Amino acid sequence: MHFAAPDPKNYQRLQSLPAEEAIACYLGGKFTIGEDSALLEAIQRGLSLPMKHEKIEDILLACAEEEVTVEECRSRLVSGA
């Protein structure tokens, strides 16, 4: 299996996405290894989440596994569930 090397420009682009777009990107797997942290930063900043990246990622992974909508995932992130 081959993974693309992270592109610094793409990392910055992902980091600056609005929260909903970053959630959609994460749920859709539209990032390469190492770029997930850029999405976590965008989501944390965009939703003003007080939780740590590990908790945000746990919620995102559960949402991806359950194939929920971006709106449902956003709701779970905001509620901390």
Protein backbone atom coordinates (compact mmCIF):
# COMPACT_ATOMS: atom_id res chain seq x y z
CA MET A 1 0.00 0.00 0.00
CA HIS A 2 1.36 3.41 -0.97
CA PHE A 3 0.51 6.63 0.86
CA ALA A 4 1.12 10.06 -0.59
CA ALA A 5 3.52 12.30 1.28
CA PRO A 6 1.86 15.23 3.05
CA ASP A 7 1.86 18.44 1.04
CA PRO A 8 2.55 21.53 3.23
CA LYS A 9 0.25 23.66 1.08
CA ASN A 10 -2.59 21.17 1.40
CA TYR A 11 -2.02 20.96 5.17
CA GLN A 12 -2.44 24.73 5.44
CA ARG A 13 -5.52 24.62 3.20
CA LEU A 14 -7.12 21.93 5.38
CA GLN A 15 -6.19 23.85 8.52
CA SER A 16 -8.06 26.92 7.28
CA LEU A 17 -11.29 25.16 6.26
CA PRO A 18 -14.58 26.10 7.93
CA ALA A 19 -15.61 23.50 10.52
CA GLU A 20 -18.36 21.88 8.42
CA GLU A 21 -16.04 21.46 5.43
CA ALA A 22 -13.32 20.01 7.67
CA ILE A 23 -15.83 17.53 9.15
CA ALA A 24 -16.96 16.52 5.65
CA CYS A 25 -13.35 16.11 4.57
CA TYR A 26 -12.57 13.94 7.61
CA LEU A 27 -15.70 11.80 7.23
CA GLY A 28 -14.98 11.37 3.52
CA GLY A 29 -11.34 10.41 4.13
CA LYS A 30 -10.15 13.21 1.87
CA PHE A 31 -6.76 13.70 3.49
CA THR A 32 -3.42 11.92 3.66
CA ILE A 33 -1.48 10.59 6.62
CA GLY A 34 -0.50 13.42 8.94
CA GLU A 35 -3.12 15.83 7.61
CA ASP A 36 -5.78 14.70 10.08
CA SER A 37 -4.30 17.04 12.68
CA ALA A 38 -4.93 19.99 10.34
CA LEU A 39 -8.58 18.98 10.13
CA LEU A 40 -8.81 18.58 13.91
CA GLU A 41 -7.42 22.09 14.35
CA ALA A 42 -9.93 23.52 11.87
CA ILE A 43 -12.82 21.75 13.59
CA GLN A 44 -11.70 22.71 17.09
CA ARG A 45 -11.24 26.34 16.10
CA GLY A 46 -14.37 26.56 13.96
CA LEU A 47 -16.67 25.12 16.60
CA SER A 48 -14.80 26.64 19.57
CA LEU A 49 -14.48 23.20 21.15
CA PRO A 50 -12.81 23.09 24.56
CA MET A 51 -11.96 19.38 24.25
CA LYS A 52 -8.62 17.85 23.30
CA HIS A 53 -7.86 16.59 19.81
CA GLU A 54 -8.05 12.97 21.01
CA LYS A 55 -11.69 13.39 22.07
CA ILE A 56 -12.56 15.20 18.83
CA GLU A 57 -10.96 12.39 16.84
CA ASP A 58 -12.85 9.74 18.84
CA ILE A 59 -16.14 11.42 17.97
CA LEU A 60 -15.15 11.82 14.31
CA LEU A 61 -14.14 8.16 14.04
CA ALA A 62 -17.43 7.04 15.59
CA CYS A 63 -19.32 9.27 13.16
CA ALA A 64 -17.37 7.87 10.21
CA GLU A 65 -18.05 4.28 11.32
CA GLU A 66 -21.76 5.00 11.76
CA GLU A 67 -21.86 6.95 8.47
CA VAL A 68 -23.72 9.89 10.00
CA THR A 69 -24.22 13.22 8.25
CA VAL A 70 -21.96 16.21 8.70
CA GLU A 71 -24.77 17.93 10.61
CA GLU A 72 -25.16 15.00 13.02
CA CYS A 73 -21.42 14.81 13.53
CA ARG A 74 -21.28 18.55 14.21
CA SER A 75 -24.05 18.14 16.78
CA ARG A 76 -22.14 15.33 18.51
CA LEU A 77 -18.96 17.39 18.57
CA VAL A 78 -20.71 20.42 20.06
CA SER A 79 -22.44 18.29 22.71
CA GLY A 80 -19.22 16.38 23.44
CA ALA A 81 -20.96 13.04 22.92
